[in-house]
Protein backbone atom coordinates (compact mmCIF):
# COMPACT_ATOMS: atom_id res chain seq x y z
CA UNK A 1 0.53 -24.86 -5.79
CA UNK A 2 -3.26 -24.76 -5.62
CA UNK A 3 -3.40 -26.37 -2.17
CA UNK A 4 -0.89 -23.90 -0.73
CA UNK A 5 -2.35 -20.84 -2.49
CA UNK A 6 -5.96 -21.40 -3.58
CA UNK A 7 -6.20 -17.62 -4.13
CA UNK A 8 -3.87 -18.08 -7.10
CA UNK A 9 -6.14 -20.64 -8.82
CA UNK A 10 -7.76 -18.00 -11.05
CA UNK A 11 -4.35 -16.91 -12.34
CA UNK A 12 -3.41 -20.54 -13.00
CA UNK A 13 -6.63 -21.07 -14.95
CA UNK A 14 -6.05 -17.86 -16.94
CA UNK A 15 -2.49 -18.96 -17.66
CA UNK A 16 -3.62 -22.36 -18.95
CA UNK A 17 -6.37 -20.74 -21.01
CA UNK A 18 -3.90 -18.28 -22.55
CA UNK A 19 -1.03 -20.67 -23.26
CA UNK A 20 -2.80 -24.02 -23.51
CA UNK A 21 -0.18 -25.53 -21.21
CA UNK A 22 1.78 -24.69 -18.09
CA UNK A 23 4.82 -22.57 -18.86
CA UNK A 24 6.53 -22.83 -15.50
CA UNK A 25 8.77 -19.77 -15.75
CA UNK A 26 5.95 -17.56 -17.01
CA UNK A 27 3.62 -18.83 -14.28
CA UNK A 28 6.21 -18.15 -11.58
CA UNK A 29 6.58 -14.61 -12.93
CA UNK A 30 2.82 -14.26 -12.50
CA UNK A 31 3.15 -15.65 -8.97
CA UNK A 32 5.81 -13.05 -8.20
CA UNK A 33 3.51 -10.21 -9.27
CA UNK A 34 0.62 -11.81 -7.37
CA UNK A 35 2.59 -11.96 -4.11
CA UNK A 36 3.96 -8.44 -4.54
CA UNK A 37 0.41 -7.16 -5.11
CA UNK A 38 -0.73 -8.99 -1.96
CA UNK A 39 2.08 -7.33 0.00
CA UNK A 40 1.17 -3.90 -1.35
CA UNK A 41 -2.43 -4.55 -0.26
CA UNK A 42 -1.22 -5.60 3.19
CA UNK A 43 -2.26 -9.27 2.93
CA UNK A 44 0.79 -10.55 4.78
CA UNK A 45 -0.73 -13.94 5.71
CA UNK A 46 -1.13 -14.66 1.97
CA UNK A 47 2.39 -13.43 1.28
CA UNK A 48 3.83 -15.65 4.01
CA UNK A 49 1.97 -18.72 2.71
CA UNK A 50 3.29 -18.03 -0.78
CA UNK A 51 6.83 -17.58 0.48
CA UNK A 52 6.56 -20.78 2.53
CA UNK A 53 5.50 -22.63 -0.62
CA UNK A 54 8.43 -21.15 -2.55
CA UNK A 55 10.87 -21.94 0.27
CA UNK A 56 9.75 -25.58 0.17
CA UNK A 57 10.19 -25.62 -3.59
CA UNK A 58 13.65 -24.11 -3.23
CA UNK A 59 14.56 -26.86 -0.73
CA UNK A 60 13.12 -29.71 -2.83
CA UNK A 61 16.50 -31.01 -3.97
CA UNK A 62 15.25 -30.84 -7.55
CA UNK A 63 17.64 -28.67 -9.59
CA UNK A 64 14.90 -27.73 -12.07
CA UNK A 65 12.59 -26.48 -9.30
CA UNK A 66 15.40 -24.67 -7.50
CA UNK A 67 16.31 -22.90 -10.74
CA UNK A 68 12.65 -22.12 -11.38
CA UNK A 69 12.38 -20.28 -8.07
CA UNK A 70 15.76 -18.56 -8.47
CA UNK A 71 15.18 -17.49 -12.08
CA UNK A 72 11.48 -16.78 -12.14
CA UNK A 73 10.75 -15.60 -8.63
CA UNK A 74 13.89 -14.12 -7.11
CA UNK A 75 15.10 -12.53 -10.36
CA UNK A 76 11.70 -10.88 -10.72
CA UNK A 77 12.29 -9.23 -7.33
CA UNK A 78 15.47 -7.59 -8.59
CA UNK A 79 14.83 -3.86 -8.93
CA UNK A 80 18.59 -3.29 -8.60
CA UNK A 81 18.99 -4.59 -12.18
CA UNK A 82 16.10 -2.74 -13.83
CA UNK A 83 15.72 1.04 -13.85
CA UNK A 84 12.32 2.60 -13.20
CA UNK A 85 10.92 -0.46 -11.44
CA UNK A 86 8.63 0.05 -8.48
CA UNK A 87 10.50 -0.73 -5.24
CA UNK A 88 9.62 -3.85 -3.34
CA UNK A 89 6.91 -3.38 -0.72
CA UNK A 90 8.24 -2.40 2.67
CA UNK A 91 8.86 -5.51 4.75
CA UNK A 92 8.78 -7.94 1.81
CA UNK A 93 12.47 -8.82 1.85
CA UNK A 94 12.38 -9.25 5.61
CA UNK A 95 9.65 -11.90 5.15
CA UNK A 96 11.78 -14.05 2.86
CA UNK A 97 12.52 -17.42 4.49
CA UNK A 98 16.20 -18.39 4.80
CA UNK A 99 16.82 -20.14 1.46
CA UNK A 100 14.93 -17.48 -0.52
CA UNK A 101 16.77 -14.74 1.35
CA UNK A 102 20.14 -16.35 0.66
CA UNK A 103 19.36 -16.51 -3.06
CA UNK A 104 18.00 -12.95 -3.02
CA UNK A 105 21.19 -11.67 -1.37
CA UNK A 106 23.37 -13.71 -3.76
CA UNK A 107 21.65 -12.23 -6.81
CA UNK A 108 21.70 -8.71 -5.37
CA UNK A 109 25.45 -8.97 -4.73
CA UNK A 110 26.14 -10.46 -8.16
């Protein structure tokens, strides 16, 4: 992840310092908040790089990684399931690459 998103390195280091190991699902929740904050700040190039990384992960063919993205990224985008959650930044959903968008739509419909 560091090569694709060096801006996230500080969060990774904080995560490792806090937990003493990489807790994938927790880290991907942090990544979700990181990318949403970038979108709210208008840093769309960073958002697109992050989404491209996640799209590649979703297409890896590895069921664990695909579930990681679905459960700990897409589910964290789901304001339709949680009352009083800040709406997604305008334009964020439209930036989702095809596989992420398909999973987003599947979860939203479910």
